[in-house]
Amino acid sequence: MTWQYFVMGVTFERLPPERRIVAPAAASAGSCCCCCCCCLHTVGSVIGALTAKSPKPLPDPVPTAVVGDRADPNYKVTKEYWATVLILCTIGLPLFAVSQGAGSGDFEVSSWLLIWAMVLPGIQLAASLVVAVRNNFSKRPGQRERLHHLASITGRAFLGGVIGIFAMVLIGTLFFR
């Protein structure tokens, strides 16, 4: 007598015991009892990005002769960064998933949320790249300060993700051997 378990597209088949000894067997994701610890890298990267401090405005430089409208200097990229993350999460990730064949009928909302939680640190890095390219071509004063602020956001998000991965490994090795 065989038992089959179907979990997220993978079939596990339990074969009958050789010596009539039946032991319980469990197939868990990542040697863990639930998926909450699998998303600690996402939590860490979001907290890291949120804790980046915005730069202090510099004293007004000596005005230069400007033809046309003069744009006020901008030293922060917080709104641009989070708007880009939102756009990539709501438009980019579903388009990518559908292009990879995820549009089949057996794909559930919980699967979408799990995929989103697993790849959010990568989406944050992609958003940093998009904002860096956009600000690199910007003529608005304060470009260097904006790029330093973006580097701070990206570095803290990366560090938070690494700390989350370390916490996942630690939890997995200490409690779920």
N, C-alpha and C. Protein backbone atom coordinates (compact mmCIF):
# COMPACT_ATOMS: atom_id res chain seq x y z
N MET A 1 0.84 -1.17 0.00
CA MET A 1 0.00 0.00 0.00
C MET A 1 0.89 1.24 0.00
N THR A 2 0.68 2.14 -0.94
CA THR A 2 1.48 3.37 -1.01
C THR A 2 0.60 4.56 -0.70
N TRP A 3 1.23 5.58 -0.18
CA TRP A 3 0.57 6.84 0.14
C TRP A 3 1.20 7.92 -0.72
N GLN A 4 0.38 8.82 -1.24
CA GLN A 4 0.91 9.91 -2.04
C GLN A 4 0.47 11.24 -1.45
N TYR A 5 1.40 12.16 -1.38
CA TYR A 5 1.13 13.52 -0.90
C TYR A 5 1.42 14.48 -2.04
N PHE A 6 0.52 15.40 -2.30
CA PHE A 6 0.70 16.39 -3.36
C PHE A 6 0.80 17.76 -2.71
N VAL A 7 2.00 18.37 -2.81
CA VAL A 7 2.24 19.66 -2.19
C VAL A 7 2.85 20.59 -3.23
N MET A 8 2.13 21.64 -3.60
CA MET A 8 2.61 22.71 -4.49
C MET A 8 3.32 22.16 -5.73
N GLY A 9 2.71 21.24 -6.45
CA GLY A 9 3.26 20.76 -7.70
C GLY A 9 4.26 19.62 -7.57
N VAL A 10 4.56 19.16 -6.35
CA VAL A 10 5.51 18.07 -6.14
C VAL A 10 4.77 16.92 -5.49
N THR A 11 4.96 15.73 -6.00
CA THR A 11 4.30 14.55 -5.45
C THR A 11 5.32 13.75 -4.64
N PHE A 12 5.01 13.49 -3.38
CA PHE A 12 5.82 12.66 -2.51
C PHE A 12 5.12 11.32 -2.37
N GLU A 13 5.84 10.25 -2.58
CA GLU A 13 5.25 8.92 -2.46
C GLU A 13 5.95 8.17 -1.34
N ARG A 14 5.15 7.72 -0.41
CA ARG A 14 5.69 6.97 0.72
C ARG A 14 5.58 5.48 0.39
N LEU A 15 6.70 4.81 0.37
CA LEU A 15 6.72 3.39 0.05
C LEU A 15 6.45 2.57 1.30
N PRO A 16 5.95 1.34 1.14
CA PRO A 16 5.69 0.51 2.32
C PRO A 16 7.00 0.14 3.02
N PRO A 17 6.95 -0.06 4.34
CA PRO A 17 8.17 -0.39 5.08
C PRO A 17 8.68 -1.78 4.72
N GLU A 18 10.02 -1.96 4.85
CA GLU A 18 10.62 -3.24 4.52
C GLU A 18 10.37 -4.29 5.59
N ARG A 19 10.49 -3.92 6.86
CA ARG A 19 10.42 -4.89 7.95
C ARG A 19 9.19 -4.69 8.82
N ARG A 20 8.12 -4.27 8.24
CA ARG A 20 6.83 -4.09 8.90
C ARG A 20 6.88 -3.07 10.05
N ILE A 21 7.85 -2.20 10.06
CA ILE A 21 7.93 -1.15 11.06
C ILE A 21 7.46 0.13 10.39
N VAL A 22 6.38 0.68 10.89
CA VAL A 22 5.84 1.89 10.31
C VAL A 22 6.25 3.08 11.17
N ALA A 23 6.99 3.99 10.59
CA ALA A 23 7.41 5.20 11.30
C ALA A 23 6.76 6.40 10.62
N PRO A 24 6.38 7.39 11.39
CA PRO A 24 5.79 8.57 10.76
C PRO A 24 6.84 9.32 9.93
N ALA A 25 6.43 9.82 8.78
CA ALA A 25 7.32 10.57 7.91
C ALA A 25 6.63 11.87 7.52
N ALA A 26 7.39 12.92 7.56
CA ALA A 26 6.85 14.22 7.18
C ALA A 26 7.81 14.88 6.20
N ALA A 27 7.27 15.42 5.16
CA ALA A 27 8.06 16.16 4.18
C ALA A 27 7.71 17.64 4.34
N SER A 28 8.61 18.37 4.90
CA SER A 28 8.33 19.78 5.13
C SER A 28 9.22 20.63 4.22
N ALA A 29 8.78 21.85 3.98
CA ALA A 29 9.51 22.76 3.11
C ALA A 29 10.71 23.33 3.84
N GLY A 30 11.89 23.07 3.33
CA GLY A 30 13.09 23.65 3.92
C GLY A 30 13.39 23.18 5.33
N SER A 31 13.02 21.96 5.68
CA SER A 31 13.24 21.41 7.02
C SER A 31 12.61 22.26 8.09
N CYS A 32 11.47 22.78 7.82
CA CYS A 32 10.80 23.66 8.76
C CYS A 32 9.33 23.25 8.84
N CYS A 33 8.67 23.64 9.90
CA CYS A 33 7.28 23.25 10.06
C CYS A 33 6.31 24.19 9.35
N CYS A 34 6.77 25.36 8.97
CA CYS A 34 5.90 26.29 8.27
C CYS A 34 6.75 27.20 7.39
N CYS A 35 6.12 28.06 6.64
CA CYS A 35 6.88 28.91 5.73
C CYS A 35 7.16 30.28 6.33
N CYS A 36 6.82 30.51 7.58
CA CYS A 36 7.03 31.85 8.14
C CYS A 36 8.50 32.18 8.28
N CYS A 37 9.35 31.19 8.58
CA CYS A 37 10.77 31.50 8.71
C CYS A 37 11.43 31.63 7.35
N CYS A 38 10.77 31.14 6.29
CA CYS A 38 11.33 31.26 4.95
C CYS A 38 11.27 32.68 4.42
N CYS A 39 10.52 33.53 5.04
CA CYS A 39 10.36 34.90 4.56
C CYS A 39 11.08 35.91 5.44
N LEU A 40 11.95 35.46 6.31
CA LEU A 40 12.68 36.40 7.18
C LEU A 40 13.62 37.28 6.38
N HIS A 41 14.13 36.79 5.26
CA HIS A 41 14.99 37.64 4.45
C HIS A 41 14.21 38.81 3.86
N THR A 42 12.93 38.58 3.54
CA THR A 42 12.09 39.65 3.03
C THR A 42 11.80 40.67 4.12
N VAL A 43 11.46 40.19 5.29
CA VAL A 43 11.20 41.09 6.42
C VAL A 43 12.45 41.91 6.73
N GLY A 44 13.60 41.26 6.73
CA GLY A 44 14.85 41.97 7.01
C GLY A 44 15.18 43.01 5.96
N SER A 45 14.94 42.70 4.69
CA SER A 45 15.27 43.68 3.64
C SER A 45 14.32 44.86 3.67
N VAL A 46 13.04 44.63 3.98
CA VAL A 46 12.09 45.75 4.07
C VAL A 46 12.42 46.64 5.27
N ILE A 47 12.70 46.02 6.42
CA ILE A 47 13.06 46.81 7.61
C ILE A 47 14.36 47.57 7.36
N GLY A 48 15.32 46.93 6.71
CA GLY A 48 16.57 47.60 6.40
C GLY A 48 16.36 48.81 5.51
N ALA A 49 15.52 48.68 4.48
CA ALA A 49 15.26 49.81 3.58
C ALA A 49 14.50 50.92 4.30
N LEU A 50 13.60 50.55 5.19
CA LEU A 50 12.83 51.56 5.91
C LEU A 50 13.67 52.34 6.92
N THR A 51 14.76 51.75 7.40
CA THR A 51 15.57 52.42 8.41
C THR A 51 16.63 53.34 7.83
N ALA A 52 16.74 53.41 6.51
CA ALA A 52 17.73 54.31 5.90
C ALA A 52 17.34 55.76 6.16
N LYS A 53 18.27 56.51 6.69
CA LYS A 53 17.99 57.91 7.02
C LYS A 53 18.19 58.77 5.79
N SER A 54 17.32 59.75 5.65
CA SER A 54 17.47 60.67 4.53
C SER A 54 18.58 61.67 4.83
N PRO A 55 19.28 62.11 3.80
CA PRO A 55 20.39 63.04 4.04
C PRO A 55 19.89 64.40 4.48
N LYS A 56 20.74 65.07 5.23
CA LYS A 56 20.40 66.43 5.66
C LYS A 56 20.61 67.39 4.49
N PRO A 57 19.71 68.35 4.33
CA PRO A 57 19.89 69.28 3.22
C PRO A 57 21.14 70.13 3.42
N LEU A 58 21.85 70.35 2.34
CA LEU A 58 23.05 71.16 2.38
C LEU A 58 22.67 72.63 2.40
N PRO A 59 23.55 73.47 2.91
CA PRO A 59 23.24 74.91 2.84
C PRO A 59 23.16 75.34 1.38
N ASP A 60 22.36 76.36 1.14
CA ASP A 60 22.15 76.82 -0.23
C ASP A 60 23.47 77.24 -0.86
N PRO A 61 23.79 76.65 -2.02
CA PRO A 61 25.02 77.04 -2.70
C PRO A 61 24.84 78.42 -3.34
N VAL A 62 25.92 78.93 -3.81
CA VAL A 62 25.88 80.21 -4.50
C VAL A 62 25.07 80.02 -5.78
N PRO A 63 24.04 80.84 -6.02
CA PRO A 63 23.21 80.64 -7.20
C PRO A 63 24.01 80.87 -8.48
N THR A 64 23.67 80.09 -9.46
CA THR A 64 24.30 80.23 -10.77
C THR A 64 23.27 80.75 -11.74
N ALA A 65 23.76 81.26 -12.85
CA ALA A 65 22.85 81.77 -13.87
C ALA A 65 22.19 80.59 -14.57
N VAL A 66 20.87 80.52 -14.51
CA VAL A 66 20.13 79.43 -15.11
C VAL A 66 19.13 80.03 -16.08
N VAL A 67 19.10 79.48 -17.26
CA VAL A 67 18.13 79.93 -18.25
C VAL A 67 16.88 79.08 -18.10
N GLY A 68 15.73 79.69 -17.99
CA GLY A 68 14.48 78.96 -17.86
C GLY A 68 14.12 78.73 -16.40
N ASP A 69 13.26 77.75 -16.16
CA ASP A 69 12.83 77.43 -14.80
C ASP A 69 13.97 76.78 -14.03
N ARG A 70 14.10 77.20 -12.79
CA ARG A 70 15.13 76.63 -11.92
C ARG A 70 14.45 75.60 -11.02
N ALA A 71 14.94 74.37 -11.07
CA ALA A 71 14.38 73.30 -10.24
C ALA A 71 15.04 73.35 -8.87
N ASP A 72 14.23 73.22 -7.84
CA ASP A 72 14.78 73.17 -6.49
C ASP A 72 15.55 71.87 -6.32
N PRO A 73 16.62 71.88 -5.55
CA PRO A 73 17.38 70.65 -5.35
C PRO A 73 16.58 69.63 -4.55
N ASN A 74 16.77 68.38 -4.89
CA ASN A 74 16.12 67.27 -4.19
C ASN A 74 17.23 66.34 -3.71
N TYR A 75 17.18 65.98 -2.43
CA TYR A 75 18.24 65.16 -1.86
C TYR A 75 17.77 63.77 -1.46
N LYS A 76 16.50 63.46 -1.65
CA LYS A 76 15.94 62.17 -1.21
C LYS A 76 15.41 61.39 -2.41
N VAL A 77 15.46 60.06 -2.31
CA VAL A 77 14.88 59.19 -3.33
C VAL A 77 13.88 58.22 -2.71
N THR A 78 13.42 58.51 -1.51
CA THR A 78 12.53 57.59 -0.81
C THR A 78 11.25 57.33 -1.61
N LYS A 79 10.59 58.39 -2.06
CA LYS A 79 9.33 58.22 -2.80
C LYS A 79 9.56 57.49 -4.11
N GLU A 80 10.62 57.83 -4.82
CA GLU A 80 10.92 57.16 -6.09
C GLU A 80 11.20 55.67 -5.87
N TYR A 81 11.96 55.38 -4.83
CA TYR A 81 12.32 53.99 -4.55
C TYR A 81 11.10 53.14 -4.24
N TRP A 82 10.26 53.60 -3.30
CA TRP A 82 9.11 52.80 -2.90
C TRP A 82 8.05 52.76 -4.00
N ALA A 83 7.92 53.82 -4.80
CA ALA A 83 7.00 53.77 -5.94
C ALA A 83 7.47 52.76 -6.97
N THR A 84 8.77 52.68 -7.19
CA THR A 84 9.32 51.70 -8.14
C THR A 84 9.14 50.28 -7.61
N VAL A 85 9.35 50.08 -6.31
CA VAL A 85 9.11 48.76 -5.72
C VAL A 85 7.64 48.36 -5.90
N LEU A 86 6.74 49.29 -5.65
CA LEU A 86 5.31 49.01 -5.81
C LEU A 86 4.97 48.66 -7.26
N ILE A 87 5.50 49.41 -8.19
CA ILE A 87 5.22 49.14 -9.61
C ILE A 87 5.79 47.78 -10.02
N LEU A 88 7.00 47.47 -9.59
CA LEU A 88 7.58 46.17 -9.93
C LEU A 88 6.82 45.02 -9.29
N CYS A 89 6.30 45.23 -8.07
CA CYS A 89 5.54 44.16 -7.39
C CYS A 89 4.17 43.95 -8.02
N THR A 90 3.49 45.03 -8.39
CA THR A 90 2.12 44.89 -8.87
C THR A 90 2.03 44.64 -10.37
N ILE A 91 3.03 45.08 -11.12
CA ILE A 91 2.97 44.89 -12.57
C ILE A 91 4.08 43.95 -13.05
N GLY A 92 5.29 44.20 -12.63
CA GLY A 92 6.43 43.44 -13.12
C GLY A 92 6.43 41.98 -12.74
N LEU A 93 6.20 41.66 -11.47
CA LEU A 93 6.21 40.27 -11.02
C LEU A 93 5.11 39.45 -11.66
N PRO A 94 3.85 39.92 -11.70
CA PRO A 94 2.83 39.12 -12.38
C PRO A 94 3.10 38.92 -13.88
N LEU A 95 3.61 39.94 -14.55
CA LEU A 95 3.94 39.79 -15.97
C LEU A 95 5.04 38.76 -16.16
N PHE A 96 6.06 38.80 -15.31
CA PHE A 96 7.13 37.82 -15.38
C PHE A 96 6.61 36.42 -15.10
N ALA A 97 5.75 36.28 -14.09
CA ALA A 97 5.22 34.96 -13.74
C ALA A 97 4.35 34.40 -14.85
N VAL A 98 3.54 35.24 -15.47
CA VAL A 98 2.69 34.78 -16.58
C VAL A 98 3.55 34.39 -17.77
N SER A 99 4.62 35.14 -18.02
CA SER A 99 5.50 34.80 -19.14
C SER A 99 6.23 33.48 -18.90
N GLN A 100 6.38 33.08 -17.65
CA GLN A 100 7.02 31.81 -17.33
C GLN A 100 6.04 30.66 -17.24
N GLY A 101 4.77 30.91 -17.55
CA GLY A 101 3.77 29.84 -17.57
C GLY A 101 2.98 29.69 -16.30
N ALA A 102 2.92 30.71 -15.48
CA ALA A 102 2.19 30.62 -14.22
C ALA A 102 0.71 30.93 -14.38
N GLY A 103 0.25 31.16 -15.59
CA GLY A 103 -1.15 31.51 -15.81
C GLY A 103 -2.08 30.31 -15.87
N SER A 104 -1.58 29.13 -15.54
CA SER A 104 -2.45 27.96 -15.58
C SER A 104 -3.48 28.03 -14.47
N GLY A 105 -4.52 27.25 -14.57
CA GLY A 105 -5.66 27.33 -13.66
C GLY A 105 -5.39 26.88 -12.25
N ASP A 106 -4.33 26.10 -12.00
CA ASP A 106 -4.09 25.57 -10.66
C ASP A 106 -3.20 26.48 -9.81
N PHE A 107 -2.95 27.69 -10.26
CA PHE A 107 -2.09 28.63 -9.52
C PHE A 107 -2.96 29.44 -8.57
N GLU A 108 -2.73 29.34 -7.27
CA GLU A 108 -3.58 29.97 -6.27
C GLU A 108 -2.99 31.28 -5.76
N VAL A 109 -3.80 32.04 -5.06
CA VAL A 109 -3.37 33.31 -4.49
C VAL A 109 -2.27 33.07 -3.45
N SER A 110 -2.38 32.02 -2.67
CA SER A 110 -1.35 31.73 -1.67
C SER A 110 -0.01 31.46 -2.33
N SER A 111 -0.01 30.85 -3.49
CA SER A 111 1.23 30.62 -4.23
C SER A 111 1.83 31.94 -4.69
N TRP A 112 0.96 32.86 -5.16
CA TRP A 112 1.44 34.18 -5.57
C TRP A 112 2.07 34.91 -4.39
N LEU A 113 1.43 34.87 -3.24
CA LEU A 113 1.96 35.56 -2.06
C LEU A 113 3.29 34.96 -1.62
N LEU A 114 3.41 33.64 -1.68
CA LEU A 114 4.66 33.00 -1.30
C LEU A 114 5.78 33.39 -2.26
N ILE A 115 5.49 33.37 -3.55
CA ILE A 115 6.50 33.77 -4.54
C ILE A 115 6.88 35.23 -4.33
N TRP A 116 5.89 36.08 -4.10
CA TRP A 116 6.17 37.50 -3.87
C TRP A 116 7.06 37.69 -2.66
N ALA A 117 6.77 36.97 -1.59
CA ALA A 117 7.57 37.10 -0.37
C ALA A 117 8.99 36.58 -0.57
N MET A 118 9.15 35.57 -1.40
CA MET A 118 10.48 35.01 -1.63
C MET A 118 11.35 35.90 -2.50
N VAL A 119 10.76 36.62 -3.45
CA VAL A 119 11.56 37.40 -4.40
C VAL A 119 11.56 38.90 -4.12
N LEU A 120 10.92 39.35 -3.05
CA LEU A 120 10.88 40.79 -2.77
C LEU A 120 12.26 41.41 -2.59
N PRO A 121 13.24 40.77 -1.94
CA PRO A 121 14.57 41.38 -1.90
C PRO A 121 15.18 41.59 -3.29
N GLY A 122 14.94 40.67 -4.20
CA GLY A 122 15.40 40.85 -5.58
C GLY A 122 14.68 41.99 -6.27
N ILE A 123 13.39 42.13 -5.98
CA ILE A 123 12.63 43.25 -6.53
C ILE A 123 13.17 44.57 -5.99
N GLN A 124 13.53 44.58 -4.72
CA GLN A 124 14.10 45.80 -4.14
C GLN A 124 15.43 46.16 -4.80
N LEU A 125 16.26 45.17 -5.09
CA LEU A 125 17.52 45.46 -5.78
C LEU A 125 17.26 45.96 -7.20
N ALA A 126 16.27 45.38 -7.88
CA ALA A 126 15.92 45.86 -9.22
C ALA A 126 15.39 47.29 -9.16
N ALA A 127 14.61 47.61 -8.15
CA ALA A 127 14.10 48.98 -7.99
C ALA A 127 15.26 49.94 -7.74
N SER A 128 16.25 49.53 -6.97
CA SER A 128 17.41 50.38 -6.75
C SER A 128 18.14 50.66 -8.05
N LEU A 129 18.25 49.64 -8.89
CA LEU A 129 18.91 49.82 -10.17
C LEU A 129 18.13 50.78 -11.07
N VAL A 130 16.81 50.63 -11.11
CA VAL A 130 15.97 51.51 -11.92
C VAL A 130 16.07 52.95 -11.45
N VAL A 131 16.00 53.17 -10.14
CA VAL A 131 16.08 54.53 -9.59
C VAL A 131 17.47 55.11 -9.82
N ALA A 132 18.52 54.29 -9.72
CA ALA A 132 19.88 54.78 -9.96
C ALA A 132 20.05 55.23 -11.41
N VAL A 133 19.54 54.44 -12.35
CA VAL A 133 19.64 54.83 -13.76
C VAL A 133 18.84 56.10 -14.01
N ARG A 134 17.65 56.18 -13.45
CA ARG A 134 16.83 57.37 -13.65
C ARG A 134 17.50 58.61 -13.09
N ASN A 135 18.06 58.51 -11.89
CA ASN A 135 18.71 59.66 -11.27
C ASN A 135 20.05 59.99 -11.92
N ASN A 136 20.67 59.02 -12.54
CA ASN A 136 21.93 59.28 -13.21
C ASN A 136 21.73 60.21 -14.41
N PHE A 137 20.58 60.14 -15.05
CA PHE A 137 20.28 60.98 -16.20
C PHE A 137 19.53 62.25 -15.82
N SER A 138 19.27 62.44 -14.54
CA SER A 138 18.53 63.62 -14.08
C SER A 138 19.43 64.84 -14.05
N LYS A 139 18.88 65.97 -14.44
CA LYS A 139 19.63 67.24 -14.41
C LYS A 139 19.30 68.06 -13.16
N ARG A 140 18.43 67.54 -12.31
CA ARG A 140 18.01 68.27 -11.11
C ARG A 140 19.16 68.36 -10.11
N PRO A 141 19.35 69.50 -9.47
CA PRO A 141 20.44 69.62 -8.49
C PRO A 141 20.27 68.63 -7.33
N GLY A 142 21.39 68.17 -6.80
CA GLY A 142 21.37 67.22 -5.68
C GLY A 142 21.53 65.79 -6.12
N GLN A 143 22.03 65.58 -7.33
CA GLN A 143 22.14 64.23 -7.88
C GLN A 143 23.07 63.36 -7.03
N ARG A 144 24.20 63.87 -6.63
CA ARG A 144 25.15 63.07 -5.84
C ARG A 144 24.54 62.66 -4.51
N GLU A 145 23.83 63.58 -3.86
CA GLU A 145 23.21 63.28 -2.57
C GLU A 145 22.10 62.23 -2.73
N ARG A 146 21.35 62.32 -3.83
CA ARG A 146 20.30 61.32 -4.08
C ARG A 146 20.91 59.94 -4.28
N LEU A 147 22.00 59.87 -5.02
CA LEU A 147 22.64 58.57 -5.24
C LEU A 147 23.24 58.02 -3.95
N HIS A 148 23.75 58.88 -3.08
CA HIS A 148 24.23 58.42 -1.77
C HIS A 148 23.07 57.92 -0.91
N HIS A 149 21.94 58.60 -0.97
CA HIS A 149 20.76 58.15 -0.22
C HIS A 149 20.28 56.80 -0.75
N LEU A 150 20.27 56.64 -2.08
CA LEU A 150 19.87 55.37 -2.67
C LEU A 150 20.84 54.26 -2.28
N ALA A 151 22.13 54.57 -2.24
CA ALA A 151 23.12 53.58 -1.81
C ALA A 151 22.88 53.18 -0.35
N SER A 152 22.48 54.13 0.47
CA SER A 152 22.17 53.82 1.87
C SER A 152 20.95 52.90 1.97
N ILE A 153 19.91 53.21 1.20
CA ILE A 153 18.71 52.36 1.21
C ILE A 153 19.05 50.95 0.73
N THR A 154 19.78 50.86 -0.37
CA THR A 154 20.12 49.56 -0.95
C THR A 154 21.03 48.76 -0.02
N GLY A 155 22.01 49.42 0.56
CA GLY A 155 22.92 48.73 1.48
C GLY A 155 22.21 48.21 2.71
N ARG A 156 21.33 49.02 3.27
CA ARG A 156 20.59 48.57 4.45
C ARG A 156 19.61 47.44 4.10
N ALA A 157 18.98 47.52 2.93
CA ALA A 157 18.07 46.45 2.50
C ALA A 157 18.85 45.15 2.31
N PHE A 158 20.02 45.24 1.70
CA PHE A 158 20.85 44.06 1.49
C PHE A 158 21.31 43.48 2.82
N LEU A 159 21.77 44.34 3.73
CA LEU A 159 22.20 43.88 5.04
C LEU A 159 21.05 43.24 5.81
N GLY A 160 19.86 43.83 5.74
CA GLY A 160 18.70 43.24 6.40
C GLY A 160 18.34 41.88 5.82
N GLY A 161 18.46 41.76 4.50
CA GLY A 161 18.20 40.45 3.86
C GLY A 161 19.21 39.40 4.28
N VAL A 162 20.48 39.78 4.39
CA VAL A 162 21.52 38.84 4.83
C VAL A 162 21.27 38.42 6.28
N ILE A 163 20.90 39.38 7.12
CA ILE A 163 20.58 39.04 8.51
C ILE A 163 19.37 38.10 8.57
N GLY A 164 18.37 38.34 7.73
CA GLY A 164 17.20 37.44 7.67
C GLY A 164 17.57 36.05 7.22
N ILE A 165 18.46 35.94 6.22
CA ILE A 165 18.92 34.62 5.76
C ILE A 165 19.68 33.92 6.88
N PHE A 166 20.54 34.67 7.57
CA PHE A 166 21.28 34.09 8.70
C PHE A 166 20.32 33.59 9.77
N ALA A 167 19.27 34.36 10.05
CA ALA A 167 18.28 33.94 11.05
C ALA A 167 17.54 32.68 10.59
N MET A 168 17.22 32.60 9.28
CA MET A 168 16.55 31.40 8.77
C MET A 168 17.44 30.17 8.93
N VAL A 169 18.71 30.31 8.57
CA VAL A 169 19.64 29.18 8.70
C VAL A 169 19.80 28.79 10.16
N LEU A 170 19.91 29.78 11.03
CA LEU A 170 20.05 29.51 12.45
C LEU A 170 18.82 28.79 13.01
N ILE A 171 17.64 29.26 12.65
CA ILE A 171 16.41 28.61 13.11
C ILE A 171 16.33 27.19 12.57
N GLY A 172 16.66 27.03 11.28
CA GLY A 172 16.59 25.71 10.66
C GLY A 172 17.56 24.71 11.26
N THR A 173 18.76 25.17 11.60
CA THR A 173 19.74 24.23 12.14
C THR A 173 19.55 23.96 13.62
N LEU A 174 19.07 24.93 14.38
CA LEU A 174 18.91 24.72 15.82
C LEU A 174 17.63 23.96 16.18
N PHE A 175 16.54 24.31 15.51
CA PHE A 175 15.25 23.77 15.95
C PHE A 175 14.68 22.67 15.06
N PHE A 176 15.07 22.61 13.81
CA PHE A 176 14.45 21.65 12.89
C PHE A 176 15.52 20.80 12.23
N ARG A 177 16.16 19.94 12.98
CA ARG A 177 17.19 19.06 12.45
C ARG A 177 16.62 17.85 11.81
